[in-house]
Amino acid sequence: MIPKHVLLAVLFGLLGVVPARAGASPVVYTVFNPVAPPFPFVFFTYDSPGFITTDTTVSAAQLAFINPLNDITSVQFILHSTDPAHLGEEERDVFETNAPPEESRYFPAGTFESLGVTAALPGSFGAPNTRLSVATPEPFSLGLLCVGAIGFLTCRYRVGSGKRSRPI
C-alpha cells in the first residue's frame, strides 16, 4: 500500500505541471555571449508571464538574474525599432548606471515571439556575439521539483515530530 504522504506529493506535483491559465505559459528570455573571453557569460535573464507582444520595459528588480559585473537599471523590449539602420526589427535596449548608459541590440522580426536562440543582427551595439534565448520551462521538471519538495518537507516533519518511518 502506498503511504498517504507519497500520494499527496504526487498529486501536488501533478498540479504544478498543469498551467494556471489556458494559452498562457511562462517564457524565459536570456541574453548571453557564448564566446566572450575568458569564458561565456549570461548578461541577464527575464522570466516573462508569456511572449512579449508589445513594447515592454522591465526594471532591474523584475529580472530573474543580472550579471554582477553590470549595473543594469532597466531593459526595454521594442517590437519595431525606429533606428534607420534596423527599421522594423526587434530591439532590446539595456540601460545601465555605468558608461555607456544604453546598449542596443537588434534582432530579426518575430524573435521575441518564437522559441529558440537568435544572434544579434550586424550593426548591433557592443559585443557582436550576443545571443537571445527564448525558452519555456519544461512542465515535467516543475512537477518533479514539486514532488521532491513535498517529499522533503514530509520527511522533515516526520523527523521533527519524533515519528519514525518504517525501514525499507
Protein backbone atom coordinates (compact mmCIF):
# COMPACT_ATOMS: atom_id res chain seq x y z
CA MET A 1 0.00 0.00 0.00
CA ILE A 2 1.28 3.46 -0.91
CA PRO A 3 1.69 5.85 2.06
CA LYS A 4 -0.63 8.86 2.13
CA HIS A 5 2.21 11.40 2.03
CA VAL A 6 3.53 9.87 -1.22
CA LEU A 7 0.10 10.11 -2.87
CA LEU A 8 -0.24 13.70 -1.66
CA ALA A 9 3.21 14.60 -3.03
CA VAL A 10 2.36 13.10 -6.43
CA LEU A 11 -0.98 14.93 -6.53
CA PHE A 12 0.58 18.32 -5.73
CA GLY A 13 3.39 17.64 -8.18
CA LEU A 14 0.90 16.97 -10.95
CA LEU A 15 -0.94 20.18 -10.08
CA GLY A 16 2.35 22.02 -10.60
CA VAL A 17 2.54 20.62 -14.15
CA VAL A 18 -0.85 22.00 -15.22
CA PRO A 19 -0.60 25.63 -16.42
CA ALA A 20 -2.53 28.17 -14.36
CA ARG A 21 -4.24 29.72 -17.42
CA ALA A 22 -5.01 28.06 -20.71
CA GLY A 23 -2.92 29.51 -23.53
CA ALA A 24 -0.57 31.38 -21.19
CA SER A 25 2.73 29.84 -20.23
CA PRO A 26 5.85 31.45 -18.81
CA VAL A 27 8.66 32.35 -21.19
CA VAL A 28 12.30 32.83 -20.19
CA TYR A 29 14.35 35.43 -22.10
CA THR A 30 18.10 35.01 -21.58
CA VAL A 31 20.76 37.23 -23.15
CA PHE A 32 24.19 35.61 -23.23
CA ASN A 33 27.54 35.74 -25.02
CA PRO A 34 28.82 32.25 -25.84
CA VAL A 35 32.33 33.29 -26.95
CA ALA A 36 33.31 36.14 -24.63
CA PRO A 37 36.84 35.82 -23.28
CA PRO A 38 37.80 34.37 -20.86
CA PHE A 39 34.53 32.39 -20.64
CA PRO A 40 30.90 32.55 -21.85
CA PHE A 41 28.61 34.65 -19.67
CA VAL A 42 24.90 35.37 -19.15
CA PHE A 43 24.08 39.07 -19.27
CA PHE A 44 20.57 38.85 -17.80
CA THR A 45 17.51 36.60 -17.58
CA TYR A 46 13.89 37.74 -17.60
CA ASP A 47 11.03 35.40 -16.67
CA SER A 48 8.07 36.77 -18.60
CA PRO A 49 4.47 35.63 -17.99
CA GLY A 50 4.16 35.00 -21.76
CA PHE A 51 5.66 36.01 -25.10
CA ILE A 52 6.49 39.70 -25.42
CA THR A 53 3.93 41.03 -27.91
CA THR A 54 4.01 44.75 -27.08
CA ASP A 55 6.81 47.18 -26.21
CA THR A 56 7.83 46.22 -22.67
CA THR A 57 10.09 47.91 -20.11
CA VAL A 58 11.44 45.70 -17.33
CA SER A 59 13.05 47.14 -14.20
CA ALA A 60 16.15 45.52 -12.70
CA ALA A 61 14.02 44.22 -9.82
CA GLN A 62 11.91 42.19 -12.29
CA LEU A 63 14.91 40.41 -13.83
CA ALA A 64 15.47 36.85 -12.61
CA PHE A 65 19.25 37.25 -12.98
CA ILE A 66 21.65 40.15 -13.60
CA ASN A 67 25.34 39.60 -14.25
CA PRO A 68 27.06 41.17 -11.21
CA LEU A 69 29.60 42.93 -13.47
CA ASN A 70 26.83 45.09 -15.00
CA ASP A 71 24.80 47.78 -13.23
CA ILE A 72 21.54 47.30 -15.14
CA THR A 73 18.70 49.65 -14.19
CA SER A 74 16.15 48.52 -16.81
CA VAL A 75 15.67 46.63 -20.07
CA GLN A 76 13.37 47.59 -22.95
CA PHE A 77 11.96 45.13 -25.48
CA ILE A 78 10.80 47.11 -28.55
CA LEU A 79 8.90 45.22 -31.27
CA HIS A 80 9.52 47.70 -34.11
CA SER A 81 12.76 49.68 -33.97
CA THR A 82 12.78 53.25 -35.26
CA ASP A 83 16.56 53.15 -35.85
CA PRO A 84 17.06 53.88 -39.59
CA ALA A 85 19.58 51.05 -39.99
CA HIS A 86 17.22 48.49 -38.37
CA LEU A 87 13.78 49.89 -39.17
CA GLY A 88 11.04 47.48 -38.09
CA GLU A 89 13.40 44.95 -36.47
CA GLU A 90 13.00 43.92 -32.84
CA GLU A 91 15.19 45.95 -30.49
CA ARG A 92 16.41 45.17 -27.00
CA ASP A 93 17.89 48.11 -25.06
CA VAL A 94 19.73 47.74 -21.77
CA PHE A 95 20.12 50.80 -19.53
CA GLU A 96 23.00 50.79 -17.06
CA THR A 97 24.39 53.20 -14.49
CA ASN A 98 27.89 52.89 -15.95
CA ALA A 99 29.02 54.16 -19.36
CA PRO A 100 27.55 53.76 -21.90
CA PRO A 101 24.11 54.25 -20.31
CA GLU A 102 22.28 52.46 -23.16
CA GLU A 103 23.22 49.31 -25.03
CA SER A 104 21.07 48.34 -28.03
CA ARG A 105 20.79 45.01 -29.84
CA TYR A 106 18.67 44.36 -32.90
CA PHE A 107 17.12 41.00 -33.76
CA PRO A 108 15.09 39.73 -36.72
CA ALA A 109 11.34 40.38 -36.57
CA GLY A 110 9.48 37.65 -34.67
CA THR A 111 12.38 36.78 -32.35
CA PHE A 112 10.54 37.80 -29.15
CA GLU A 113 7.57 35.59 -30.05
CA SER A 114 9.29 32.35 -31.08
CA LEU A 115 11.28 29.77 -29.16
CA GLY A 116 14.96 29.32 -29.95
CA VAL A 117 18.32 31.06 -29.89
CA THR A 118 18.88 34.05 -32.17
CA ALA A 119 22.06 36.03 -32.83
CA ALA A 120 22.01 39.83 -32.83
CA LEU A 121 21.94 41.44 -36.26
CA PRO A 122 25.11 43.04 -37.67
CA GLY A 123 25.46 46.65 -36.57
CA SER A 124 24.18 45.97 -33.05
CA PHE A 125 25.98 47.97 -30.37
CA GLY A 126 28.76 46.32 -28.35
CA ALA A 127 29.78 42.67 -28.46
CA PRO A 128 28.67 41.20 -31.80
CA ASN A 129 28.37 37.69 -30.34
CA THR A 130 25.28 38.37 -28.22
CA ARG A 131 22.54 35.72 -28.41
CA LEU A 132 18.94 35.87 -27.22
CA SER A 133 17.49 32.61 -25.97
CA VAL A 134 13.70 32.34 -25.75
CA ALA A 135 12.53 29.20 -23.92
CA THR A 136 9.71 27.82 -21.81
CA PRO A 137 10.23 25.86 -18.60
CA GLU A 138 9.63 22.14 -19.01
CA PRO A 139 6.43 21.22 -17.09
CA PHE A 140 7.66 17.73 -16.17
CA SER A 141 10.71 19.19 -14.41
CA LEU A 142 8.48 21.57 -12.46
CA GLY A 143 6.31 18.63 -11.39
CA LEU A 144 9.35 16.65 -10.23
CA LEU A 145 10.56 19.67 -8.30
CA CYS A 146 7.19 19.93 -6.53
CA VAL A 147 7.16 16.21 -5.70
CA GLY A 148 10.70 16.41 -4.32
CA ALA A 149 9.97 19.49 -2.22
CA ILE A 150 6.83 17.99 -0.73
CA GLY A 151 8.63 14.70 -0.03
CA PHE A 152 11.48 16.57 1.67
CA LEU A 153 9.06 18.56 3.83
CA THR A 154 7.17 15.40 4.75
CA CYS A 155 10.38 13.65 5.86
CA ARG A 156 11.46 16.73 7.79
CA TYR A 157 8.06 16.87 9.53
CA ARG A 158 8.26 13.18 10.48
CA VAL A 159 11.78 13.58 11.90
CA GLY A 160 10.88 16.80 13.73
CA SER A 161 7.76 15.30 15.32
CA GLY A 162 9.64 12.26 16.61
CA LYS A 163 7.85 9.81 14.35
CA ARG A 164 10.00 7.20 12.72
CA SER A 165 9.25 5.74 9.37
CA ARG A 166 9.49 2.02 8.75
CA PRO A 167 12.78 0.80 7.29
CA ILE A 168 12.60 -0.09 3.62
